[in-house]
Amino acid sequence: MPAITFIHPDGKSERVETADGESAMQAATRHGLDGILAECGGNAMCATCHVYVDEGWLARLPGMADDEDALLDGTASERLPNSRLSCQIKITPELDGLVVKLPERQV
């Protein structure tokens, strides 16, 4: 089963197991992870699941859709080159071990 490591702003890390095809946001909320609000439930409408993808993993992710790109312009924490919406990161076996950092704030 693939897993994701979420790094909290204080440096604490949490590793959560995911199901193949599940989004990183779904895995986080299913495990009760603090830092992912997911107010829109994963419909790419709110940006409250913003994460910073570890640089070593960026090239393995699919390209960003226009709606995700637009939403990232309105995040509560600074948008960085490695910003993504965790609801748009679908987990596959190739993403086993993915590392993402949670921003300071989501709203």
Protein backbone atom coordinates (compact mmCIF):
# COMPACT_ATOMS: atom_id res chain seq x y z
CA MET A 1 0.00 0.00 0.00
CA PRO A 2 1.48 3.40 -0.96
CA ALA A 3 2.22 5.95 1.74
CA ILE A 4 2.70 9.72 1.94
CA THR A 5 4.75 11.64 4.48
CA PHE A 6 3.25 14.97 5.53
CA ILE A 7 5.65 17.43 7.16
CA HIS A 8 3.96 19.87 9.53
CA PRO A 9 5.12 23.51 9.80
CA ASP A 10 6.78 22.65 13.13
CA GLY A 11 8.86 19.94 11.41
CA LYS A 12 6.90 16.97 12.79
CA SER A 13 6.24 14.33 10.15
CA GLU A 14 3.31 11.95 9.77
CA ARG A 15 3.33 8.99 7.42
CA VAL A 16 -0.10 7.85 6.25
CA GLU A 17 -1.02 4.86 4.15
CA THR A 18 -3.12 5.47 1.07
CA ALA A 19 -5.19 3.45 -1.33
CA ASP A 20 -4.18 3.31 -4.97
CA GLY A 21 -6.12 6.05 -6.78
CA GLU A 22 -6.93 7.97 -3.60
CA SER A 23 -5.92 11.63 -3.53
CA ALA A 24 -3.35 12.91 -1.07
CA MET A 25 -6.13 15.07 0.41
CA GLN A 26 -8.42 12.07 0.92
CA ALA A 27 -5.65 10.15 2.65
CA ALA A 28 -4.94 13.11 4.94
CA THR A 29 -8.57 13.68 5.91
CA ARG A 30 -9.26 9.95 6.35
CA HIS A 31 -6.41 9.83 8.88
CA GLY A 32 -7.55 13.02 10.65
CA LEU A 33 -4.38 14.88 9.74
CA ASP A 34 -4.30 18.48 10.98
CA GLY A 35 -3.42 21.02 8.31
CA ILE A 36 -5.60 19.86 5.43
CA LEU A 37 -9.04 21.47 5.70
CA ALA A 38 -10.48 20.34 2.35
CA GLU A 39 -13.53 22.59 2.63
CA CYS A 40 -14.77 21.74 -0.88
CA GLY A 41 -14.30 17.99 -0.41
CA GLY A 42 -11.73 17.65 -3.16
CA ASN A 43 -13.57 19.39 -5.97
CA ALA A 44 -10.74 21.85 -6.76
CA MET A 45 -12.80 24.84 -5.69
CA CYS A 46 -11.26 26.19 -2.47
CA ALA A 47 -7.46 25.67 -2.16
CA THR A 48 -7.70 24.63 1.52
CA CYS A 49 -5.70 21.50 0.76
CA HIS A 50 -2.63 23.42 -0.44
CA VAL A 51 0.69 21.62 0.07
CA TYR A 52 4.32 22.10 -0.91
CA VAL A 53 5.59 19.04 -2.77
CA ASP A 54 9.15 17.99 -1.96
CA GLU A 55 11.33 19.04 -4.89
CA GLY A 56 12.46 15.46 -5.52
CA TRP A 57 8.88 14.42 -6.26
CA LEU A 58 7.66 17.27 -8.48
CA ALA A 59 8.70 15.72 -11.79
CA ARG A 60 6.79 12.52 -10.94
CA LEU A 61 3.45 14.32 -10.64
CA PRO A 62 1.14 14.89 -13.60
CA GLY A 63 0.93 18.42 -14.96
CA MET A 64 -1.23 21.02 -13.29
CA ALA A 65 -4.66 21.80 -14.76
CA ASP A 66 -5.73 25.40 -15.33
CA ASP A 67 -8.27 25.37 -12.48
CA GLU A 68 -5.66 24.17 -9.98
CA ASP A 69 -3.22 26.80 -11.21
CA ALA A 70 -5.81 29.57 -10.77
CA LEU A 71 -6.78 28.41 -7.26
CA LEU A 72 -3.17 28.36 -6.12
CA ASP A 73 -3.01 32.11 -6.78
CA GLY A 74 -5.43 32.62 -3.86
CA THR A 75 -3.94 30.41 -1.15
CA ALA A 76 -3.70 31.64 2.43
CA SER A 77 0.02 30.78 2.58
CA GLU A 78 2.49 31.91 -0.04
CA ARG A 79 2.35 30.14 -3.38
CA LEU A 80 5.73 28.62 -4.22
CA PRO A 81 6.96 26.86 -7.37
CA ASN A 82 6.27 23.50 -5.67
CA SER A 83 2.74 24.39 -4.53
CA ARG A 84 -0.02 21.95 -5.44
CA LEU A 85 -3.54 21.14 -4.28
CA SER A 86 -3.43 17.79 -2.53
CA CYS A 87 -6.90 16.94 -3.90
CA GLN A 88 -5.35 16.90 -7.37
CA ILE A 89 -2.53 14.49 -6.49
CA LYS A 90 -3.83 11.00 -7.21
CA ILE A 91 -1.72 8.34 -5.56
CA THR A 92 -0.26 5.56 -7.68
CA PRO A 93 2.35 2.94 -6.77
CA GLU A 94 4.96 5.21 -8.40
CA LEU A 95 4.17 7.88 -5.78
CA ASP A 96 4.79 5.56 -2.83
CA GLY A 97 6.88 7.59 -0.38
CA LEU A 98 5.69 11.00 -1.62
CA VAL A 99 6.72 13.82 0.75
CA VAL A 100 4.71 17.04 1.08
CA LYS A 101 5.00 19.93 3.49
CA LEU A 102 1.93 21.56 4.98
CA PRO A 103 1.80 25.36 4.82
CA GLU A 104 1.47 27.55 7.92
CA ARG A 105 -2.20 28.30 7.21
CA GLN A 106 -4.97 27.16 4.90
CA VAL A 107 -7.45 30.00 5.53
